[in-house]
PDB file of N, CA and C in Angstrom:
ATOM      1  N   MET A   1     -28.787  33.163   8.773  1.00  0.00           N
ATOM      2  CA  MET A   1     -27.363  33.332   9.529  1.00  0.00           C
ATOM      3  C   MET A   1     -26.588  32.598  10.262  1.00  0.00           C
ATOM      4  N   ALA A   2     -25.129  32.749   9.772  1.00  0.00           N
ATOM      5  CA  ALA A   2     -24.294  31.666  10.125  1.00  0.00           C
ATOM      6  C   ALA A   2     -23.768  31.693  11.577  1.00  0.00           C
ATOM      7  N   LYS A   3     -23.168  30.985  12.365  1.00  0.00           N
ATOM      8  CA  LYS A   3     -23.243  30.919  13.641  1.00  0.00           C
ATOM      9  C   LYS A   3     -21.945  31.235  13.661  1.00  0.00           C
ATOM     10  N   SER A   4     -21.773  32.545  14.586  1.00  0.00           N
ATOM     11  CA  SER A   4     -20.162  33.512  14.975  1.00  0.00           C
ATOM     12  C   SER A   4     -19.645  32.546  16.422  1.00  0.00           C
ATOM     13  N   TYR A   5     -18.335  32.274  15.982  1.00  0.00           N
ATOM     14  CA  TYR A   5     -17.520  31.665  16.648  1.00  0.00           C
ATOM     15  C   TYR A   5     -16.118  32.742  16.948  1.00  0.00           C
ATOM     16  N   ASP A   6     -15.779  32.644  18.593  1.00  0.00           N
ATOM     17  CA  ASP A   6     -15.090  33.470  19.091  1.00  0.00           C
ATOM     18  C   ASP A   6     -13.930  32.473  19.557  1.00  0.00           C
ATOM     19  N   TYR A   7     -12.859  32.181  18.607  1.00  0.00           N
ATOM     20  CA  TYR A   7     -11.814  30.988  18.996  1.00  0.00           C
ATOM     21  C   TYR A   7     -10.785  31.741  19.006  1.00  0.00           C
ATOM     22  N   GLN A   8     -10.041  31.323  20.642  1.00  0.00           N
ATOM     23  CA  GLN A   8      -8.683  31.713  21.037  1.00  0.00           C
ATOM     24  C   GLN A   8      -7.708  31.080  20.806  1.00  0.00           C
ATOM     25  N   SER A   9      -7.877  29.483  20.167  1.00  0.00           N
ATOM     26  CA  SER A   9      -6.803  29.162  20.290  1.00  0.00           C
ATOM     27  C   SER A   9      -7.215  27.741  18.899  1.00  0.00           C
ATOM     28  N   ALA A  10      -6.086  26.803  18.538  1.00  0.00           N
ATOM     29  CA  ALA A  10      -6.540  25.687  18.029  1.00  0.00           C
ATOM     30  C   ALA A  10      -7.076  24.648  19.323  1.00  0.00           C
ATOM     31  N   PHE A  11      -6.899  24.795  20.448  1.00  0.00           N
ATOM     32  CA  PHE A  11      -7.614  23.922  21.089  1.00  0.00           C
ATOM     33  C   PHE A  11      -8.988  24.220  21.462  1.00  0.00           C
ATOM     34  N   ASP A  12      -9.630  25.629  21.137  1.00  0.00           N
ATOM     35  CA  ASP A  12     -10.913  25.585  21.201  1.00  0.00           C
ATOM     36  C   ASP A  12     -11.890  25.034  20.191  1.00  0.00           C
ATOM     37  N   ILE A  13     -11.320  25.042  19.014  1.00  0.00           N
ATOM     38  CA  ILE A  13     -11.869  24.068  17.955  1.00  0.00           C
ATOM     39  C   ILE A  13     -11.474  22.266  18.230  1.00  0.00           C
ATOM     40  N   ILE A  14      -9.652  22.078  18.823  1.00  0.00           N
ATOM     41  CA  ILE A  14     -10.262  20.666  19.069  1.00  0.00           C
ATOM     42  C   ILE A  14     -10.506  20.094  20.796  1.00  0.00           C
ATOM     43  N   GLY A  15     -12.089  20.339  20.815  1.00  0.00           N
ATOM     44  CA  GLY A  15     -11.484  19.740  21.760  1.00  0.00           C
ATOM     45  C   GLY A  15     -11.878  18.285  22.415  1.00  0.00           C
ATOM     46  N   PRO A  16     -12.472  18.442  23.576  1.00  0.00           N
ATOM     47  CA  PRO A  16     -12.221  16.986  23.701  1.00  0.00           C
ATOM     48  C   PRO A  16     -13.748  16.425  24.335  1.00  0.00           C
ATOM     49  N   VAL A  17     -14.533  17.175  23.614  1.00  0.00           N
ATOM     50  CA  VAL A  17     -16.223  16.103  23.362  1.00  0.00           C
ATOM     51  C   VAL A  17     -15.736  15.834  21.904  1.00  0.00           C
ATOM     52  N   MET A  18     -16.401  14.739  21.749  1.00  0.00           N
ATOM     53  CA  MET A  18     -16.286  13.619  20.409  1.00  0.00           C
ATOM     54  C   MET A  18     -17.242  12.789  20.377  1.00  0.00           C
ATOM     55  N   MET A  19     -17.265  12.203  19.302  1.00  0.00           N
ATOM     56  CA  MET A  19     -17.582  10.688  18.574  1.00  0.00           C
ATOM     57  C   MET A  19     -16.470  10.088  18.183  1.00  0.00           C
ATOM     58  N   GLY A  20     -17.045   8.669  17.579  1.00  0.00           N
ATOM     59  CA  GLY A  20     -16.048   7.565  17.487  1.00  0.00           C
ATOM     60  C   GLY A  20     -16.152   7.593  16.231  1.00  0.00           C
ATOM     61  N   PRO A  21     -15.658   7.112  15.126  1.00  0.00           N
ATOM     62  CA  PRO A  21     -14.272   6.057  15.294  1.00  0.00           C
ATOM     63  C   PRO A  21     -13.466   6.294  16.171  1.00  0.00           C
ATOM     64  N   SER A  22     -12.531   7.266  15.628  1.00  0.00           N
ATOM     65  CA  SER A  22     -11.224   7.949  15.976  1.00  0.00           C
ATOM     66  C   SER A  22     -11.770   8.737  16.872  1.00  0.00           C
ATOM     67  N   SER A  23     -11.595   9.665  17.525  1.00  0.00           N
ATOM     68  CA  SER A  23     -12.798  10.610  18.555  1.00  0.00           C
ATOM     69  C   SER A  23     -11.205  11.699  17.774  1.00  0.00           C
ATOM     70  N   SER A  24     -10.273  11.561  18.071  1.00  0.00           N
ATOM     71  CA  SER A  24      -8.710  12.442  17.091  1.00  0.00           C
ATOM     72  C   SER A  24      -9.153  12.481  15.493  1.00  0.00           C
ATOM     73  N   HIS A  25      -9.377  11.734  15.197  1.00  0.00           N
ATOM     74  CA  HIS A  25     -10.015  12.098  13.812  1.00  0.00           C
ATOM     75  C   HIS A  25     -10.727  12.927  13.493  1.00  0.00           C
ATOM     76  N   THR A  26     -12.494  12.561  14.424  1.00  0.00           N
ATOM     77  CA  THR A  26     -13.595  13.516  13.981  1.00  0.00           C
ATOM     78  C   THR A  26     -13.630  14.627  14.876  1.00  0.00           C
ATOM     79  N   ALA A  27     -13.745  14.898  16.122  1.00  0.00           N
ATOM     80  CA  ALA A  27     -14.233  15.595  16.787  1.00  0.00           C
ATOM     81  C   ALA A  27     -13.515  16.606  16.393  1.00  0.00           C
ATOM     82  N   GLY A  28     -12.440  16.545  15.947  1.00  0.00           N
ATOM     83  CA  GLY A  28     -11.428  18.543  15.848  1.00  0.00           C
ATOM     84  C   GLY A  28     -11.961  18.346  14.222  1.00  0.00           C
ATOM     85  N   ALA A  29     -12.071  17.580  13.455  1.00  0.00           N
ATOM     86  CA  ALA A  29     -12.621  17.862  12.138  1.00  0.00           C
ATOM     87  C   ALA A  29     -13.838  18.135  11.517  1.00  0.00           C
ATOM     88  N   VAL A  30     -14.528  17.763  12.441  1.00  0.00           N
ATOM     89  CA  VAL A  30     -16.350  18.659  12.468  1.00  0.00           C
ATOM     90  C   VAL A  30     -15.963  19.857  12.863  1.00  0.00           C
ATOM     91  N   LYS A  31     -15.125  19.826  14.029  1.00  0.00           N
ATOM     92  CA  LYS A  31     -15.587  21.433  14.219  1.00  0.00           C
ATOM     93  C   LYS A  31     -14.407  22.538  13.680  1.00  0.00           C
ATOM     94  N   ILE A  32     -13.158  21.918  12.907  1.00  0.00           N
ATOM     95  CA  ILE A  32     -12.922  22.790  11.444  1.00  0.00           C
ATOM     96  C   ILE A  32     -14.109  23.164  10.315  1.00  0.00           C
ATOM     97  N   GLY A  33     -14.537  21.894  10.238  1.00  0.00           N
ATOM     98  CA  GLY A  33     -15.748  22.396   8.707  1.00  0.00           C
ATOM     99  C   GLY A  33     -16.878  23.475   9.734  1.00  0.00           C
ATOM    100  N   ASN A  34     -17.148  22.967  11.177  1.00  0.00           N
ATOM    101  CA  ASN A  34     -17.979  24.167  11.784  1.00  0.00           C
ATOM    102  C   ASN A  34     -17.551  25.916  11.759  1.00  0.00           C
ATOM    103  N   SER A  35     -16.238  25.739  11.798  1.00  0.00           N
ATOM    104  CA  SER A  35     -15.481  27.357  11.340  1.00  0.00           C
ATOM    105  C   SER A  35     -15.212  27.622  10.233  1.00  0.00           C
ATOM    106  N   ALA A  36     -15.292  26.296   8.936  1.00  0.00           N
ATOM    107  CA  ALA A  36     -15.445  26.883   7.723  1.00  0.00           C
ATOM    108  C   ALA A  36     -16.522  27.299   7.569  1.00  0.00           C
ATOM    109  N   ARG A  37     -17.515  27.033   7.920  1.00  0.00           N
ATOM    110  CA  ARG A  37     -18.333  27.203   7.461  1.00  0.00           C
ATOM    111  C   ARG A  37     -19.544  28.613   8.544  1.00  0.00           C
ATOM    112  N   ALA A  38     -18.708  28.617   9.286  1.00  0.00           N
ATOM    113  CA  ALA A  38     -18.448  30.256   9.665  1.00  0.00           C
ATOM    114  C   ALA A  38     -17.884  31.318   9.055  1.00  0.00           C
ATOM    115  N   VAL A  39     -17.057  31.093   8.544  1.00  0.00           N
ATOM    116  CA  VAL A  39     -16.245  32.009   7.523  1.00  0.00           C
ATOM    117  C   VAL A  39     -16.758  32.283   6.597  1.00  0.00           C
ATOM    118  N   LEU A  40     -16.712  31.159   6.128  1.00  0.00           N
ATOM    119  CA  LEU A  40     -18.277  30.905   4.214  1.00  0.00           C
ATOM    120  C   LEU A  40     -19.320  32.111   4.660  1.00  0.00           C
ATOM    121  N   GLY A  41     -19.931  31.989   6.145  1.00  0.00           N
ATOM    122  CA  GLY A  41     -21.729  32.246   6.247  1.00  0.00           C
ATOM    123  C   GLY A  41     -22.615  31.421   5.909  1.00  0.00           C
ATOM    124  N   ASP A  42     -22.457  30.474   4.595  1.00  0.00           N
ATOM    125  CA  ASP A  42     -23.307  29.366   4.707  1.00  0.00           C
ATOM    126  C   ASP A  42     -22.676  27.790   4.685  1.00  0.00           C
ATOM    127  N   VAL A  43     -23.528  26.687   4.201  1.00  0.00           N
ATOM    128  CA  VAL A  43     -23.166  25.400   3.942  1.00  0.00           C
ATOM    129  C   VAL A  43     -22.290  26.033   2.222  1.00  0.00           C
ATOM    130  N   PRO A  44     -21.269  24.938   2.477  1.00  0.00           N
ATOM    131  CA  PRO A  44     -20.238  25.947   0.990  1.00  0.00           C
ATOM    132  C   PRO A  44     -21.353  24.830  -0.068  1.00  0.00           C
ATOM    133  N   LYS A  45     -21.141  25.360  -1.912  1.00  0.00           N
ATOM    134  CA  LYS A  45     -21.752  24.740  -2.666  1.00  0.00           C
ATOM    135  C   LYS A  45     -20.617  23.433  -2.737  1.00  0.00           C
ATOM    136  N   SER A  46     -19.441  23.116  -3.024  1.00  0.00           N
ATOM    137  CA  SER A  46     -17.957  22.569  -2.972  1.00  0.00           C
ATOM    138  C   SER A  46     -16.589  22.837  -1.695  1.00  0.00           C
ATOM    139  N   LEU A  47     -16.302  21.722  -1.812  1.00  0.00           N
ATOM    140  CA  LEU A  47     -14.995  21.203  -0.652  1.00  0.00           C
ATOM    141  C   LEU A  47     -13.531  20.830  -1.401  1.00  0.00           C
ATOM    142  N   GLU A  48     -12.649  21.747  -1.110  1.00  0.00           N
ATOM    143  CA  GLU A  48     -11.809  20.533  -1.636  1.00  0.00           C
ATOM    144  C   GLU A  48     -10.841  21.233  -0.408  1.00  0.00           C
ATOM    145  N   ILE A  49     -11.197  19.683   0.003  1.00  0.00           N
ATOM    146  CA  ILE A  49     -10.176  19.326   1.236  1.00  0.00           C
ATOM    147  C   ILE A  49      -8.775  18.373   0.732  1.00  0.00           C
ATOM    148  N   ARG A  50      -7.644  18.602   1.534  1.00  0.00           N
ATOM    149  CA  ARG A  50      -6.623  17.973   1.354  1.00  0.00           C
ATOM    150  C   ARG A  50      -6.331  17.934   3.080  1.00  0.00           C
ATOM    151  N   TYR A  51      -5.624  15.976   2.762  1.00  0.00           N
ATOM    152  CA  TYR A  51      -5.847  15.763   4.365  1.00  0.00           C
ATOM    153  C   TYR A  51      -3.923  15.231   4.459  1.00  0.00           C
ATOM    154  N   TYR A  52      -3.250  15.930   5.051  1.00  0.00           N
ATOM    155  CA  TYR A  52      -1.501  15.413   5.248  1.00  0.00           C
ATOM    156  C   TYR A  52      -1.105  14.570   6.615  1.00  0.00           C
ATOM    157  N   GLU A  53      -0.011  13.760   6.585  1.00  0.00           N
ATOM    158  CA  GLU A  53       0.022  13.075   7.271  1.00  0.00           C
ATOM    159  C   GLU A  53      -0.306  12.175   7.912  1.00  0.00           C
ATOM    160  N   SER A  54      -0.936  12.141   9.441  1.00  0.00           N
ATOM    161  CA  SER A  54      -2.027  10.758   9.643  1.00  0.00           C
ATOM    162  C   SER A  54      -2.871  10.749   9.031  1.00  0.00           C
ATOM    163  N   PHE A  55      -3.279  11.740   8.894  1.00  0.00           N
ATOM    164  CA  PHE A  55      -5.109  11.763   7.988  1.00  0.00           C
ATOM    165  C   PHE A  55      -4.767  11.526   6.459  1.00  0.00           C
ATOM    166  N   ALA A  56      -4.255  11.743   6.402  1.00  0.00           N
ATOM    167  CA  ALA A  56      -3.859  11.202   4.422  1.00  0.00           C
ATOM    168  C   ALA A  56      -3.496  10.053   4.543  1.00  0.00           C
ATOM    169  N   LYS A  57      -3.381   9.326   5.486  1.00  0.00           N
ATOM    170  CA  LYS A  57      -3.649   7.860   5.117  1.00  0.00           C
ATOM    171  C   LYS A  57      -4.824   7.347   5.968  1.00  0.00           C
ATOM    172  N   THR A  58      -5.287   7.523   6.602  1.00  0.00           N
ATOM    173  CA  THR A  58      -7.037   7.237   7.367  1.00  0.00           C
ATOM    174  C   THR A  58      -7.767   7.720   7.408  1.00  0.00           C
ATOM    175  N   HIS A  59      -7.940   9.190   6.983  1.00  0.00           N
ATOM    176  CA  HIS A  59      -8.686   9.590   6.387  1.00  0.00           C
ATOM    177  C   HIS A  59     -10.237   9.586   6.815  1.00  0.00           C
ATOM    178  N   GLN A  60     -10.494   8.582   5.585  1.00  0.00           N
ATOM    179  CA  GLN A  60     -11.539   7.419   5.376  1.00  0.00           C
ATOM    180  C   GLN A  60     -12.266   6.363   6.064  1.00  0.00           C
ATOM    181  N   GLY A  61     -10.913   6.170   6.552  1.00  0.00           N
ATOM    182  CA  GLY A  61     -11.295   4.441   7.610  1.00  0.00           C
ATOM    183  C   GLY A  61     -11.705   4.979   8.998  1.00  0.00           C
ATOM    184  N   HIS A  62     -11.108   6.339   9.184  1.00  0.00           N
ATOM    185  CA  HIS A  62     -11.890   7.240  10.502  1.00  0.00           C
ATOM    186  C   HIS A  62     -12.354   7.525  10.811  1.00  0.00           C
ATOM    187  N   GLY A  63     -13.229   7.969   9.651  1.00  0.00           N
ATOM    188  CA  GLY A  63     -13.974   8.905   9.166  1.00  0.00           C
ATOM    189  C   GLY A  63     -13.642  10.319   9.070  1.00  0.00           C
ATOM    190  N   THR A  64     -12.515  10.853   9.326  1.00  0.00           N
ATOM    191  CA  THR A  64     -12.377  11.980   9.627  1.00  0.00           C
ATOM    192  C   THR A  64     -13.117  12.836   7.946  1.00  0.00           C
ATOM    193  N   ASP A  65     -13.572  12.495   6.814  1.00  0.00           N
ATOM    194  CA  ASP A  65     -13.869  13.266   5.816  1.00  0.00           C
ATOM    195  C   ASP A  65     -15.160  12.973   5.552  1.00  0.00           C
ATOM    196  N   VAL A  66     -16.711  11.917   6.190  1.00  0.00           N
ATOM    197  CA  VAL A  66     -17.131  12.527   6.846  1.00  0.00           C
ATOM    198  C   VAL A  66     -17.813  13.530   7.928  1.00  0.00           C
ATOM    199  N   ALA A  67     -16.421  13.433   9.140  1.00  0.00           N
ATOM    200  CA  ALA A  67     -16.302  14.578  10.118  1.00  0.00           C
ATOM    201  C   ALA A  67     -17.149  15.838   9.883  1.00  0.00           C
ATOM    202  N   VAL A  68     -15.423  16.688   8.506  1.00  0.00           N
ATOM    203  CA  VAL A  68     -15.495  17.808   7.845  1.00  0.00           C
ATOM    204  C   VAL A  68     -16.833  18.153   7.333  1.00  0.00           C
ATOM    205  N   VAL A  69     -16.926  16.917   6.462  1.00  0.00           N
ATOM    206  CA  VAL A  69     -17.877  17.815   5.840  1.00  0.00           C
ATOM    207  C   VAL A  69     -19.194  17.934   6.676  1.00  0.00           C
ATOM    208  N   GLY A  70     -19.701  16.814   7.808  1.00  0.00           N
ATOM    209  CA  GLY A  70     -20.560  17.469   8.409  1.00  0.00           C
ATOM    210  C   GLY A  70     -20.098  18.627   9.328  1.00  0.00           C
ATOM    211  N   GLY A  71     -19.521  19.054   9.453  1.00  0.00           N
ATOM    212  CA  GLY A  71     -19.098  20.109  10.179  1.00  0.00           C
ATOM    213  C   GLY A  71     -19.270  21.136   9.400  1.00  0.00           C
ATOM    214  N   ALA A  72     -18.972  21.357   8.067  1.00  0.00           N
ATOM    215  CA  ALA A  72     -19.085  22.447   7.098  1.00  0.00           C
ATOM    216  C   ALA A  72     -20.953  22.045   7.030  1.00  0.00           C
ATOM    217  N   MET A  73     -21.857  21.307   6.942  1.00  0.00           N
ATOM    218  CA  MET A  73     -23.149  21.633   6.763  1.00  0.00           C
ATOM    219  C   MET A  73     -23.985  21.901   7.736  1.00  0.00           C
ATOM    220  N   GLY A  74     -22.545  22.264   9.053  1.00  0.00           N
ATOM    221  CA  GLY A  74     -23.499  22.427  10.232  1.00  0.00           C
ATOM    222  C   GLY A  74     -24.006  21.900  11.330  1.00  0.00           C
ATOM    223  N   TYR A  75     -23.629  20.046  11.362  1.00  0.00           N
ATOM    224  CA  TYR A  75     -23.657  19.393  12.204  1.00  0.00           C
ATOM    225  C   TYR A  75     -22.582  19.253  13.139  1.00  0.00           C
ATOM    226  N   SER A  76     -22.933  19.151  14.833  1.00  0.00           N
ATOM    227  CA  SER A  76     -22.390  19.435  15.765  1.00  0.00           C
ATOM    228  C   SER A  76     -21.558  17.709  15.933  1.00  0.00           C
ATOM    229  N   THR A  77     -20.399  17.831  17.364  1.00  0.00           N
ATOM    230  CA  THR A  77     -20.236  16.130  17.547  1.00  0.00           C
ATOM    231  C   THR A  77     -20.768  16.040  18.235  1.00  0.00           C
ATOM    232  N   PHE A  78     -22.174  16.263  18.855  1.00  0.00           N
ATOM    233  CA  PHE A  78     -23.292  15.439  18.929  1.00  0.00           C
ATOM    234  C   PHE A  78     -23.906  14.758  18.167  1.00  0.00           C
ATOM    235  N   ASP A  79     -24.155  15.236  17.037  1.00  0.00           N
ATOM    236  CA  ASP A  79     -25.382  14.976  16.274  1.00  0.00           C
ATOM    237  C   ASP A  79     -24.674  13.288  15.381  1.00  0.00           C
ATOM    238  N   ASN A  80     -25.937  12.320  15.768  1.00  0.00           N
ATOM    239  CA  ASN A  80     -25.114  10.681  15.665  1.00  0.00           C
ATOM    240  C   ASN A  80     -25.170  10.466  14.300  1.00  0.00           C
ATOM    241  N   ARG A  81     -26.148  11.280  13.313  1.00  0.00           N
ATOM    242  CA  ARG A  81     -26.128  11.554  11.761  1.00  0.00           C
ATOM    243  C   ARG A  81     -24.969  10.547  11.209  1.00  0.00           C
TER     244      ARG A  81
END
């Protein structure tokens, strides 16, 4: 069964506990992926991710792409895989 999240605001998703390379591009992305998984109820079979603004230019170099997929797979911000 999927974990349920009770978020009150975007700041509950984009929190201060994070792993690099760029914490602003990874921790929030993991938590967004976690939220997507909670909404879907399971690991998605596929994802279509669109990046905008600074993420569009830097998502691969900063690890945002890996972070959001890891979050959707159920990894936490503390997971160093």
